Amino acid sequence: MKSNRELPRTPLALAVMNLLMERPMHPYEMKSTMKERGHDRVIRLKGGSIYDTVERLEEGRFITAQAPSREGRRPERTVYAITEAGREEIMGWLAELLSQPLNEYPQFGGALAFVAALDKEEVTRLLKMRIALLHSQIVGEETQLKNFLEMGLPALFLVEGEYAVAMKRAELEWVRRLVDEIQGGKLWIAKEQMKASGGGFRERKRRR
């Protein structure tokens, strides 16, 4: 069966299709499995988002509904399986994600582009707040990873969490250096200098 739509390229779609490559599941089981494995650290699970994703994947013929299942007195739940077209799509997409660095346009980067709109003291204060929050998040996530390992979860299922911690550690060190450079006078310039630099840059660009 061929797909009749473009694959919805969202982190949740990636998770759903990879879980279905293991075995057929119903959406509730998918969500529970993601939480058990700590996928909710890197993939946002909210409300009925997983059901919306499953519906879109089924409409595109990347997954297909099987016979409903029932556990005890619980209501019947529709079980889904990945199709051959879905398997081909997800393998290609996963290979692309692993091999090709992408610009994900982080919000923090966007804020840094306009940091000069604030006063030096305010920027320093806000960045120090970020440093404290990053440190707290790192400690919490490292503890969670350790707990998962002690519970017997294979380390292979935790690499995305380790990556998230590594990225936060790198950001923490970079923000600390940024604060030091701002406070030390190495980076920050006065408003008048900013205006003069902006005007001079536009003039140089116009002459080229």
N, C-alpha and C. Protein backbone atom coordinates (compact mmCIF):
# COMPACT_ATOMS: atom_id res chain seq x y z
N MET A 1 0.85 -1.20 0.00
CA MET A 1 0.00 0.00 0.00
C MET A 1 0.88 1.24 0.00
N LYS A 2 0.70 2.08 -0.97
CA LYS A 2 1.50 3.29 -1.07
C LYS A 2 0.88 4.43 -0.28
N SER A 3 1.74 5.33 0.20
CA SER A 3 1.24 6.51 0.92
C SER A 3 0.65 7.49 -0.09
N ASN A 4 -0.41 8.20 0.35
CA ASN A 4 -1.03 9.19 -0.53
C ASN A 4 -0.85 10.61 -0.02
N ARG A 5 0.02 10.76 1.00
CA ARG A 5 0.27 12.08 1.56
C ARG A 5 1.72 12.18 1.99
N GLU A 6 2.15 13.41 2.23
CA GLU A 6 3.50 13.61 2.74
C GLU A 6 3.55 13.28 4.22
N LEU A 7 4.62 12.64 4.63
CA LEU A 7 4.79 12.25 6.03
C LEU A 7 4.83 13.49 6.92
N PRO A 8 3.97 13.56 7.98
CA PRO A 8 4.05 14.68 8.91
C PRO A 8 5.33 14.60 9.74
N ARG A 9 6.27 15.48 9.45
CA ARG A 9 7.58 15.39 10.09
C ARG A 9 7.60 16.14 11.41
N THR A 10 7.09 15.50 12.43
CA THR A 10 7.10 16.04 13.78
C THR A 10 7.79 15.02 14.69
N PRO A 11 8.36 15.48 15.82
CA PRO A 11 8.98 14.53 16.74
C PRO A 11 8.02 13.45 17.22
N LEU A 12 6.75 13.81 17.41
CA LEU A 12 5.77 12.83 17.88
C LEU A 12 5.50 11.77 16.82
N ALA A 13 5.43 12.18 15.55
CA ALA A 13 5.25 11.22 14.47
C ALA A 13 6.44 10.27 14.40
N LEU A 14 7.63 10.81 14.61
CA LEU A 14 8.85 10.00 14.62
C LEU A 14 8.76 8.93 15.71
N ALA A 15 8.31 9.33 16.90
CA ALA A 15 8.21 8.40 18.02
C ALA A 15 7.15 7.34 17.77
N VAL A 16 5.98 7.75 17.31
CA VAL A 16 4.87 6.82 17.07
C VAL A 16 5.28 5.75 16.06
N MET A 17 5.87 6.16 14.96
CA MET A 17 6.21 5.21 13.91
C MET A 17 7.33 4.27 14.34
N ASN A 18 8.28 4.77 15.12
CA ASN A 18 9.35 3.89 15.61
C ASN A 18 8.82 2.88 16.61
N LEU A 19 7.87 3.28 17.44
CA LEU A 19 7.27 2.33 18.37
C LEU A 19 6.51 1.24 17.62
N LEU A 20 5.83 1.64 16.56
CA LEU A 20 5.05 0.66 15.78
C LEU A 20 5.94 -0.26 14.98
N MET A 21 7.19 0.10 14.77
CA MET A 21 8.12 -0.83 14.13
C MET A 21 8.48 -1.97 15.09
N GLU A 22 8.30 -1.74 16.40
CA GLU A 22 8.55 -2.80 17.38
C GLU A 22 7.40 -3.80 17.40
N ARG A 23 6.17 -3.24 17.44
CA ARG A 23 4.97 -4.10 17.48
C ARG A 23 3.74 -3.21 17.35
N PRO A 24 2.61 -3.76 16.94
CA PRO A 24 1.36 -2.97 16.91
C PRO A 24 0.98 -2.51 18.32
N MET A 25 0.46 -1.30 18.43
CA MET A 25 0.06 -0.73 19.72
C MET A 25 -1.17 0.15 19.54
N HIS A 26 -1.86 0.39 20.64
CA HIS A 26 -2.91 1.41 20.64
C HIS A 26 -2.31 2.70 21.19
N PRO A 27 -2.90 3.86 20.90
CA PRO A 27 -2.30 5.15 21.29
C PRO A 27 -1.96 5.27 22.76
N TYR A 28 -2.82 4.73 23.64
CA TYR A 28 -2.54 4.84 25.07
C TYR A 28 -1.25 4.10 25.43
N GLU A 29 -1.06 2.93 24.82
CA GLU A 29 0.16 2.15 25.06
C GLU A 29 1.38 2.89 24.53
N MET A 30 1.22 3.55 23.37
CA MET A 30 2.33 4.34 22.82
C MET A 30 2.75 5.42 23.81
N LYS A 31 1.77 6.15 24.31
CA LYS A 31 2.05 7.25 25.23
C LYS A 31 2.70 6.74 26.51
N SER A 32 2.20 5.63 27.05
CA SER A 32 2.76 5.05 28.27
C SER A 32 4.19 4.59 28.05
N THR A 33 4.45 3.98 26.89
CA THR A 33 5.80 3.49 26.58
C THR A 33 6.77 4.64 26.45
N MET A 34 6.33 5.74 25.81
CA MET A 34 7.19 6.91 25.66
C MET A 34 7.57 7.48 27.02
N LYS A 35 6.61 7.53 27.94
CA LYS A 35 6.89 8.05 29.28
C LYS A 35 7.81 7.11 30.05
N GLU A 36 7.58 5.80 29.91
CA GLU A 36 8.42 4.83 30.60
C GLU A 36 9.88 4.94 30.16
N ARG A 37 10.08 5.24 28.87
CA ARG A 37 11.44 5.33 28.32
C ARG A 37 12.02 6.73 28.41
N GLY A 38 11.25 7.66 28.94
CA GLY A 38 11.76 9.02 29.10
C GLY A 38 11.72 9.85 27.84
N HIS A 39 10.96 9.41 26.84
CA HIS A 39 10.88 10.18 25.60
C HIS A 39 10.23 11.54 25.80
N ASP A 40 9.44 11.66 26.86
CA ASP A 40 8.77 12.94 27.10
C ASP A 40 9.75 14.03 27.52
N ARG A 41 11.04 13.68 27.70
CA ARG A 41 12.07 14.69 27.97
C ARG A 41 12.44 15.45 26.71
N VAL A 42 12.25 14.81 25.56
CA VAL A 42 12.64 15.44 24.29
C VAL A 42 11.48 15.58 23.32
N ILE A 43 10.33 14.98 23.64
CA ILE A 43 9.15 15.06 22.78
C ILE A 43 7.98 15.53 23.62
N ARG A 44 7.30 16.57 23.17
CA ARG A 44 6.20 17.13 23.93
C ARG A 44 4.95 16.25 23.80
N LEU A 45 4.47 15.77 24.93
CA LEU A 45 3.24 14.98 24.97
C LEU A 45 2.18 15.78 25.70
N LYS A 46 1.18 16.23 24.99
CA LYS A 46 0.16 17.04 25.64
C LYS A 46 -1.23 16.68 25.10
N GLY A 47 -2.20 16.62 26.01
CA GLY A 47 -3.59 16.40 25.63
C GLY A 47 -3.76 15.25 24.66
N GLY A 48 -4.48 15.51 23.60
CA GLY A 48 -4.76 14.48 22.60
C GLY A 48 -3.83 14.53 21.42
N SER A 49 -2.64 15.12 21.60
CA SER A 49 -1.72 15.28 20.47
C SER A 49 -1.34 13.94 19.84
N ILE A 50 -1.20 12.90 20.66
CA ILE A 50 -0.80 11.61 20.10
C ILE A 50 -1.92 11.03 19.23
N TYR A 51 -3.17 11.27 19.64
CA TYR A 51 -4.30 10.78 18.84
C TYR A 51 -4.40 11.54 17.52
N ASP A 52 -4.12 12.85 17.55
CA ASP A 52 -4.11 13.64 16.31
C ASP A 52 -3.02 13.15 15.37
N THR A 53 -1.85 12.84 15.93
CA THR A 53 -0.75 12.35 15.12
C THR A 53 -1.08 11.00 14.50
N VAL A 54 -1.65 10.11 15.30
CA VAL A 54 -2.04 8.80 14.79
C VAL A 54 -3.06 8.94 13.66
N GLU A 55 -4.00 9.84 13.81
CA GLU A 55 -5.02 10.06 12.78
C GLU A 55 -4.39 10.54 11.47
N ARG A 56 -3.45 11.47 11.59
CA ARG A 56 -2.77 11.99 10.38
C ARG A 56 -1.94 10.91 9.70
N LEU A 57 -1.26 10.09 10.50
CA LEU A 57 -0.46 9.02 9.94
C LEU A 57 -1.33 7.96 9.26
N GLU A 58 -2.49 7.70 9.85
CA GLU A 58 -3.39 6.72 9.24
C GLU A 58 -3.98 7.27 7.93
N GLU A 59 -4.33 8.55 7.94
CA GLU A 59 -4.86 9.16 6.72
C GLU A 59 -3.85 9.12 5.58
N GLY A 60 -2.57 9.26 5.93
CA GLY A 60 -1.51 9.20 4.93
C GLY A 60 -1.09 7.79 4.56
N ARG A 61 -1.71 6.80 5.21
CA ARG A 61 -1.42 5.38 4.98
C ARG A 61 0.00 4.98 5.40
N PHE A 62 0.51 5.70 6.39
CA PHE A 62 1.81 5.32 6.96
C PHE A 62 1.61 4.27 8.06
N ILE A 63 0.43 4.27 8.67
CA ILE A 63 0.04 3.24 9.63
C ILE A 63 -1.38 2.81 9.29
N THR A 64 -1.79 1.67 9.83
CA THR A 64 -3.13 1.18 9.54
C THR A 64 -3.76 0.61 10.80
N ALA A 65 -5.06 0.75 10.92
CA ALA A 65 -5.78 0.25 12.09
C ALA A 65 -6.00 -1.24 11.98
N GLN A 66 -5.82 -1.94 13.10
CA GLN A 66 -6.11 -3.36 13.17
C GLN A 66 -7.35 -3.57 14.02
N ALA A 67 -7.63 -4.80 14.35
CA ALA A 67 -8.81 -5.09 15.17
C ALA A 67 -8.65 -4.48 16.55
N PRO A 68 -9.72 -3.91 17.12
CA PRO A 68 -9.64 -3.32 18.46
C PRO A 68 -9.25 -4.37 19.50
N SER A 69 -8.58 -3.94 20.55
CA SER A 69 -8.20 -4.84 21.64
C SER A 69 -8.94 -4.43 22.91
N ARG A 70 -9.09 -5.41 23.80
CA ARG A 70 -9.76 -5.13 25.07
C ARG A 70 -8.99 -5.80 26.19
N GLU A 71 -8.78 -5.04 27.29
CA GLU A 71 -8.11 -5.58 28.47
C GLU A 71 -9.10 -5.56 29.63
N GLY A 72 -9.54 -6.74 30.05
CA GLY A 72 -10.50 -6.81 31.15
C GLY A 72 -11.80 -6.10 30.82
N ARG A 73 -12.22 -5.23 31.71
CA ARG A 73 -13.46 -4.49 31.52
C ARG A 73 -13.25 -3.12 30.88
N ARG A 74 -12.00 -2.85 30.49
CA ARG A 74 -11.72 -1.56 29.87
C ARG A 74 -12.34 -1.47 28.48
N PRO A 75 -12.63 -0.25 28.02
CA PRO A 75 -13.20 -0.09 26.67
C PRO A 75 -12.23 -0.59 25.60
N GLU A 76 -12.79 -0.98 24.46
CA GLU A 76 -11.95 -1.42 23.36
C GLU A 76 -11.05 -0.29 22.87
N ARG A 77 -9.84 -0.63 22.48
CA ARG A 77 -8.90 0.35 21.96
C ARG A 77 -8.39 -0.11 20.60
N THR A 78 -8.36 0.81 19.66
CA THR A 78 -7.89 0.48 18.31
C THR A 78 -6.38 0.32 18.30
N VAL A 79 -5.92 -0.80 17.79
CA VAL A 79 -4.50 -1.07 17.68
C VAL A 79 -4.04 -0.69 16.27
N TYR A 80 -2.85 -0.08 16.20
CA TYR A 80 -2.32 0.36 14.91
C TYR A 80 -1.02 -0.37 14.61
N ALA A 81 -0.76 -0.57 13.32
CA ALA A 81 0.49 -1.18 12.86
C ALA A 81 1.07 -0.31 11.76
N ILE A 82 2.38 -0.35 11.62
CA ILE A 82 3.02 0.44 10.57
C ILE A 82 2.88 -0.28 9.23
N THR A 83 2.70 0.46 8.17
CA THR A 83 2.61 -0.12 6.83
C THR A 83 4.01 -0.20 6.21
N GLU A 84 4.12 -0.89 5.08
CA GLU A 84 5.41 -0.99 4.41
C GLU A 84 5.87 0.39 3.93
N ALA A 85 4.90 1.19 3.44
CA ALA A 85 5.23 2.55 3.01
C ALA A 85 5.70 3.39 4.19
N GLY A 86 5.06 3.21 5.34
CA GLY A 86 5.46 3.93 6.54
C GLY A 86 6.84 3.53 7.01
N ARG A 87 7.15 2.24 6.91
CA ARG A 87 8.47 1.75 7.31
C ARG A 87 9.56 2.37 6.44
N GLU A 88 9.32 2.41 5.15
CA GLU A 88 10.30 3.00 4.23
C GLU A 88 10.50 4.48 4.52
N GLU A 89 9.41 5.19 4.76
CA GLU A 89 9.48 6.63 5.03
C GLU A 89 10.24 6.92 6.31
N ILE A 90 9.93 6.18 7.37
CA ILE A 90 10.53 6.48 8.66
C ILE A 90 12.02 6.13 8.67
N MET A 91 12.41 5.08 7.96
CA MET A 91 13.82 4.72 7.92
C MET A 91 14.62 5.79 7.17
N GLY A 92 14.05 6.29 6.08
CA GLY A 92 14.73 7.35 5.33
C GLY A 92 14.82 8.63 6.12
N TRP A 93 13.73 8.99 6.82
CA TRP A 93 13.70 10.22 7.62
C TRP A 93 14.68 10.13 8.78
N LEU A 94 14.70 8.99 9.45
CA LEU A 94 15.60 8.82 10.59
C LEU A 94 17.06 8.92 10.15
N ALA A 95 17.38 8.32 9.00
CA ALA A 95 18.75 8.41 8.48
C ALA A 95 19.12 9.86 8.18
N GLU A 96 18.17 10.60 7.64
CA GLU A 96 18.41 12.02 7.34
C GLU A 96 18.65 12.82 8.61
N LEU A 97 17.83 12.58 9.64
CA LEU A 97 17.96 13.33 10.89
C LEU A 97 19.29 13.05 11.58
N LEU A 98 19.75 11.81 11.51
CA LEU A 98 21.00 11.44 12.18
C LEU A 98 22.23 11.96 11.44
N SER A 99 22.14 12.06 10.12
CA SER A 99 23.33 12.38 9.33
C SER A 99 23.47 13.86 8.98
N GLN A 100 22.36 14.61 8.96
CA GLN A 100 22.40 15.98 8.46
C GLN A 100 22.05 16.99 9.56
N PRO A 101 23.01 17.82 9.98
CA PRO A 101 22.70 18.87 10.96
C PRO A 101 21.70 19.87 10.37
N LEU A 102 20.69 20.21 11.15
CA LEU A 102 19.66 21.13 10.69
C LEU A 102 19.62 22.35 11.59
N ASN A 103 19.30 23.50 11.03
CA ASN A 103 19.07 24.70 11.83
C ASN A 103 17.66 24.64 12.39
N GLU A 104 17.53 24.43 13.70
CA GLU A 104 16.23 24.27 14.33
C GLU A 104 15.66 25.59 14.85
N TYR A 105 16.35 26.70 14.58
CA TYR A 105 15.89 28.03 14.95
C TYR A 105 15.45 28.11 16.43
N PRO A 106 16.37 27.91 17.36
CA PRO A 106 16.02 27.96 18.79
C PRO A 106 15.60 29.36 19.21
N GLN A 107 14.63 29.42 20.12
CA GLN A 107 14.13 30.71 20.59
C GLN A 107 15.19 31.52 21.32
N PHE A 108 16.08 30.84 22.04
CA PHE A 108 17.14 31.55 22.74
C PHE A 108 18.05 32.28 21.76
N GLY A 109 18.34 31.64 20.63
CA GLY A 109 19.14 32.29 19.61
C GLY A 109 18.46 33.52 19.05
N GLY A 110 17.13 33.43 18.89
CA GLY A 110 16.38 34.58 18.43
C GLY A 110 16.44 35.73 19.41
N ALA A 111 16.36 35.41 20.70
CA ALA A 111 16.45 36.45 21.73
C ALA A 111 17.83 37.10 21.75
N LEU A 112 18.87 36.30 21.56
CA LEU A 112 20.23 36.84 21.57
C LEU A 112 20.45 37.83 20.43
N ALA A 113 19.73 37.62 19.32
CA ALA A 113 19.88 38.51 18.18
C ALA A 113 19.44 39.94 18.51
N PHE A 114 18.59 40.09 19.53
CA PHE A 114 18.05 41.40 19.88
C PHE A 114 18.38 41.79 21.32
N VAL A 115 19.41 41.18 21.87
CA VAL A 115 19.77 41.42 23.27
C VAL A 115 20.15 42.87 23.52
N ALA A 116 20.62 43.57 22.49
CA ALA A 116 21.05 44.96 22.66
C ALA A 116 19.89 45.90 22.96
N ALA A 117 18.65 45.42 22.83
CA ALA A 117 17.49 46.26 23.13
C ALA A 117 17.35 46.50 24.63
N LEU A 118 17.99 45.67 25.44
CA LEU A 118 17.91 45.79 26.90
C LEU A 118 19.17 46.44 27.45
N ASP A 119 19.09 46.90 28.69
CA ASP A 119 20.26 47.47 29.35
C ASP A 119 21.22 46.36 29.76
N LYS A 120 22.48 46.73 29.87
CA LYS A 120 23.53 45.78 30.24
C LYS A 120 23.21 45.06 31.55
N GLU A 121 22.78 45.83 32.56
CA GLU A 121 22.50 45.25 33.87
C GLU A 121 21.34 44.25 33.81
N GLU A 122 20.31 44.60 33.01
CA GLU A 122 19.16 43.71 32.89
C GLU A 122 19.53 42.43 32.16
N VAL A 123 20.32 42.55 31.12
CA VAL A 123 20.77 41.38 30.38
C VAL A 123 21.58 40.45 31.30
N THR A 124 22.46 41.04 32.07
CA THR A 124 23.28 40.25 32.99
C THR A 124 22.41 39.53 34.01
N ARG A 125 21.43 40.24 34.55
CA ARG A 125 20.52 39.64 35.55
C ARG A 125 19.75 38.46 34.95
N LEU A 126 19.21 38.66 33.76
CA LEU A 126 18.41 37.62 33.11
C LEU A 126 19.26 36.40 32.74
N LEU A 127 20.47 36.64 32.28
CA LEU A 127 21.34 35.52 31.93
C LEU A 127 21.77 34.73 33.17
N LYS A 128 21.94 35.42 34.28
CA LYS A 128 22.28 34.71 35.52
C LYS A 128 21.10 33.85 35.98
N MET A 129 19.88 34.34 35.74
CA MET A 129 18.71 33.52 36.03
C MET A 129 18.72 32.27 35.16
N ARG A 130 19.07 32.43 33.90
CA ARG A 130 19.14 31.28 32.99
C ARG A 130 20.19 30.28 33.46
N ILE A 131 21.33 30.78 33.91
CA ILE A 131 22.39 29.91 34.41
C ILE A 131 21.89 29.06 35.57
N ALA A 132 21.19 29.69 36.50
CA ALA A 132 20.68 28.96 37.66
C ALA A 132 19.66 27.90 37.25
N LEU A 133 18.78 28.24 36.31
CA LEU A 133 17.76 27.29 35.85
C LEU A 133 18.39 26.13 35.08
N LEU A 134 19.37 26.44 34.24
CA LEU A 134 20.07 25.39 33.50
C LEU A 134 20.75 24.41 34.44
N HIS A 135 21.42 24.95 35.45
CA HIS A 135 22.10 24.09 36.42
C HIS A 135 21.10 23.18 37.13
N SER A 136 19.96 23.74 37.53
CA SER A 136 18.93 22.95 38.21
C SER A 136 18.38 21.87 37.29
N GLN A 137 18.14 22.20 36.03
CA GLN A 137 17.62 21.22 35.07
C GLN A 137 18.61 20.10 34.83
N ILE A 138 19.87 20.44 34.73
CA ILE A 138 20.91 19.43 34.50
C ILE A 138 20.95 18.44 35.66
N VAL A 139 20.93 18.96 36.87
CA VAL A 139 20.96 18.08 38.05
C VAL A 139 19.75 17.16 38.06
N GLY A 140 18.56 17.72 37.78
CA GLY A 140 17.35 16.93 37.79
C GLY A 140 17.35 15.86 36.70
N GLU A 141 17.80 16.21 35.51
CA GLU A 141 17.78 15.26 34.40
C GLU A 141 18.84 14.18 34.58
N GLU A 142 19.99 14.53 35.16
CA GLU A 142 21.01 13.51 35.42
C GLU A 142 20.52 12.52 36.48
N THR A 143 19.79 13.02 37.45
CA THR A 143 19.22 12.14 38.48
C THR A 143 18.20 11.20 37.85
N GLN A 144 17.38 11.73 36.97
CA GLN A 144 16.38 10.91 36.29
C GLN A 144 17.02 9.83 35.43
N LEU A 145 18.07 10.19 34.71
CA LEU A 145 18.78 9.21 33.89
C LEU A 145 19.37 8.09 34.76
N LYS A 146 19.94 8.48 35.88
CA LYS A 146 20.52 7.49 36.80
C LYS A 146 19.44 6.55 37.32
N ASN A 147 18.26 7.10 37.65
CA ASN A 147 17.16 6.28 38.14
C ASN A 147 16.69 5.29 37.09
N PHE A 148 16.61 5.75 35.84
CA PHE A 148 16.19 4.86 34.76
C PHE A 148 17.17 3.69 34.60
N LEU A 149 18.47 3.98 34.70
CA LEU A 149 19.48 2.93 34.58
C LEU A 149 19.34 1.94 35.73
N GLU A 150 19.11 2.43 36.93
CA GLU A 150 18.97 1.56 38.10
C GLU A 150 17.71 0.71 38.01
N MET A 151 16.70 1.20 37.26
CA MET A 151 15.48 0.44 37.06
C MET A 151 15.65 -0.65 35.99
N GLY A 152 16.81 -0.63 35.33
CA GLY A 152 17.09 -1.66 34.33
C GLY A 152 16.82 -1.27 32.90
N LEU A 153 16.51 0.02 32.65
CA LEU A 153 16.27 0.46 31.29
C LEU A 153 17.59 0.49 30.53
N PRO A 154 17.68 -0.15 29.36
CA PRO A 154 18.94 -0.16 28.60
C PRO A 154 19.44 1.25 28.29
N ALA A 155 20.74 1.44 28.36
CA ALA A 155 21.33 2.76 28.12
C ALA A 155 21.03 3.26 26.71
N LEU A 156 20.81 2.33 25.78
CA LEU A 156 20.51 2.72 24.40
C LEU A 156 19.23 3.55 24.34
N PHE A 157 18.29 3.28 25.23
CA PHE A 157 17.02 4.01 25.25
C PHE A 157 17.14 5.37 25.95
N LEU A 158 18.33 5.70 26.42
CA LEU A 158 18.53 6.94 27.16
C LEU A 158 19.45 7.93 26.44
N VAL A 159 19.90 7.57 25.24
CA VAL A 159 20.88 8.43 24.57
C VAL A 159 20.32 9.82 24.26
N GLU A 160 19.00 9.91 23.98
CA GLU A 160 18.43 11.23 23.70
C GLU A 160 18.43 12.09 24.96
N GLY A 161 18.27 11.46 26.13
CA GLY A 161 18.35 12.21 27.38
C GLY A 161 19.76 12.66 27.67
N GLU A 162 20.73 11.80 27.39
CA GLU A 162 22.14 12.17 27.58
C GLU A 162 22.52 13.31 26.64
N TYR A 163 21.99 13.26 25.43
CA TYR A 163 22.24 14.34 24.47
C TYR A 163 21.68 15.66 24.98
N ALA A 164 20.45 15.61 25.51
CA ALA A 164 19.82 16.82 26.03
C ALA A 164 20.64 17.42 27.17
N VAL A 165 21.15 16.58 28.06
CA VAL A 165 21.98 17.05 29.16
C VAL A 165 23.29 17.65 28.63
N ALA A 166 23.88 16.99 27.64
CA ALA A 166 25.14 17.49 27.07
C ALA A 166 24.94 18.86 26.43
N MET A 167 23.82 19.05 25.74
CA MET A 167 23.53 20.33 25.12
C MET A 167 23.33 21.42 26.18
N LYS A 168 22.67 21.07 27.27
CA LYS A 168 22.45 22.06 28.33
C LYS A 168 23.76 22.40 29.04
N ARG A 169 24.64 21.40 29.19
CA ARG A 169 25.95 21.68 29.80
C ARG A 169 26.76 22.63 28.92
N ALA A 170 26.72 22.39 27.62
CA ALA A 170 27.45 23.27 26.69
C ALA A 170 26.87 24.68 26.72
N GLU A 171 25.54 24.77 26.76
CA GLU A 171 24.90 26.09 26.83
C GLU A 171 25.24 26.79 28.13
N LEU A 172 25.24 26.04 29.23
CA LEU A 172 25.56 26.61 30.53
C LEU A 172 26.95 27.24 30.53
N GLU A 173 27.94 26.52 30.01
CA GLU A 173 29.30 27.05 29.97
C GLU A 173 29.39 28.26 29.06
N TRP A 174 28.68 28.23 27.93
CA TRP A 174 28.72 29.36 27.00
C TRP A 174 28.07 30.60 27.61
N VAL A 175 26.94 30.43 28.28
CA VAL A 175 26.26 31.57 28.89
C VAL A 175 27.11 32.15 30.02
N ARG A 176 27.78 31.30 30.75
CA ARG A 176 28.68 31.79 31.81
C ARG A 176 29.78 32.67 31.21
N ARG A 177 30.36 32.23 30.10
CA ARG A 177 31.40 33.03 29.44
C ARG A 177 30.82 34.34 28.91
N LEU A 178 29.60 34.27 28.40
CA LEU A 178 28.94 35.47 27.88
C LEU A 178 28.75 36.50 28.99
N VAL A 179 28.30 36.05 30.15
CA VAL A 179 28.11 36.96 31.28
C VAL A 179 29.45 37.57 31.71
N ASP A 180 30.49 36.75 31.75
CA ASP A 180 31.82 37.25 32.13
C ASP A 180 32.30 38.33 31.15
N GLU A 181 32.06 38.11 29.86
CA GLU A 181 32.50 39.08 28.85
C GLU A 181 31.69 40.37 28.93
N ILE A 182 30.40 40.25 29.24
CA ILE A 182 29.57 41.45 29.38
C ILE A 182 30.01 42.25 30.60
N GLN A 183 30.16 41.56 31.73
CA GLN A 183 30.54 42.26 32.96
C GLN A 183 31.96 42.80 32.90
N GLY A 184 32.82 42.12 32.17
CA GLY A 184 34.21 42.56 32.08
C GLY A 184 34.44 43.67 31.07
N GLY A 185 33.38 44.07 30.36
CA GLY A 185 33.51 45.16 29.39
C GLY A 185 34.08 44.75 28.06
N LYS A 186 34.29 43.46 27.85
CA LYS A 186 34.88 42.98 26.61
C LYS A 186 33.89 42.98 25.46
N LEU A 187 32.59 42.82 25.78
CA LEU A 187 31.59 42.61 24.73
C LEU A 187 30.62 43.78 24.58
N TRP A 188 30.12 44.28 25.71
CA TRP A 188 29.04 45.28 25.66
C TRP A 188 29.55 46.64 25.20
N ILE A 189 28.73 47.34 24.42
CA ILE A 189 29.07 48.69 23.99
C ILE A 189 27.90 49.62 24.31
N ALA A 190 28.17 50.93 24.35
CA ALA A 190 27.14 51.91 24.69
C ALA A 190 26.12 52.04 23.56
N LYS A 191 24.93 52.58 23.92
CA LYS A 191 23.86 52.74 22.94
C LYS A 191 24.32 53.59 21.75
N GLU A 192 25.09 54.64 22.03
CA GLU A 192 25.57 55.52 20.96
C GLU A 192 26.47 54.75 19.99
N GLN A 193 27.30 53.87 20.53
CA GLN A 193 28.18 53.05 19.70
C GLN A 193 27.38 52.07 18.85
N MET A 194 26.30 51.54 19.45
CA MET A 194 25.44 50.62 18.71
C MET A 194 24.82 51.30 17.51
N LYS A 195 24.31 52.52 17.73
CA LYS A 195 23.68 53.27 16.63
C LYS A 195 24.70 53.61 15.55
N ALA A 196 25.88 54.04 15.98
CA ALA A 196 26.93 54.40 15.03
C ALA A 196 27.39 53.18 14.24
N SER A 197 27.52 52.06 14.92
CA SER A 197 27.96 50.84 14.25
C SER A 197 26.93 50.37 13.24
N GLY A 198 25.63 50.47 13.62
CA GLY A 198 24.57 50.06 12.71
C GLY A 198 24.53 50.91 11.47
N GLY A 199 24.66 52.23 11.63
CA GLY A 199 24.66 53.13 10.49
C GLY A 199 25.86 52.92 9.60
N GLY A 200 27.03 52.72 10.21
CA GLY A 200 28.24 52.49 9.44
C GLY A 200 28.19 51.19 8.66
N PHE A 201 27.58 50.16 9.26
CA PHE A 201 27.47 48.87 8.58
C PHE A 201 26.58 48.99 7.35
N ARG A 202 25.45 49.69 7.51
CA ARG A 202 24.54 49.86 6.36
C ARG A 202 25.22 50.66 5.24
N GLU A 203 26.02 51.65 5.61
CA GLU A 203 26.69 52.45 4.59
C GLU A 203 27.73 51.63 3.84
N ARG A 204 28.49 50.83 4.57
CA ARG A 204 29.50 49.98 3.93
C ARG A 204 28.85 48.95 3.02
N LYS A 205 27.70 48.42 3.46
CA LYS A 205 26.99 47.44 2.65
C LYS A 205 26.44 48.09 1.38
N ARG A 206 25.97 49.34 1.48
CA ARG A 206 25.41 50.05 0.31
C ARG A 206 26.48 50.30 -0.75
N ARG A 207 27.71 50.55 -0.31
CA ARG A 207 28.80 50.89 -1.24
C ARG A 207 29.33 49.68 -2.00
N ARG A 208 29.06 48.51 -1.50
CA ARG A 208 29.59 47.29 -2.15
C ARG A 208 28.83 46.98 -3.44
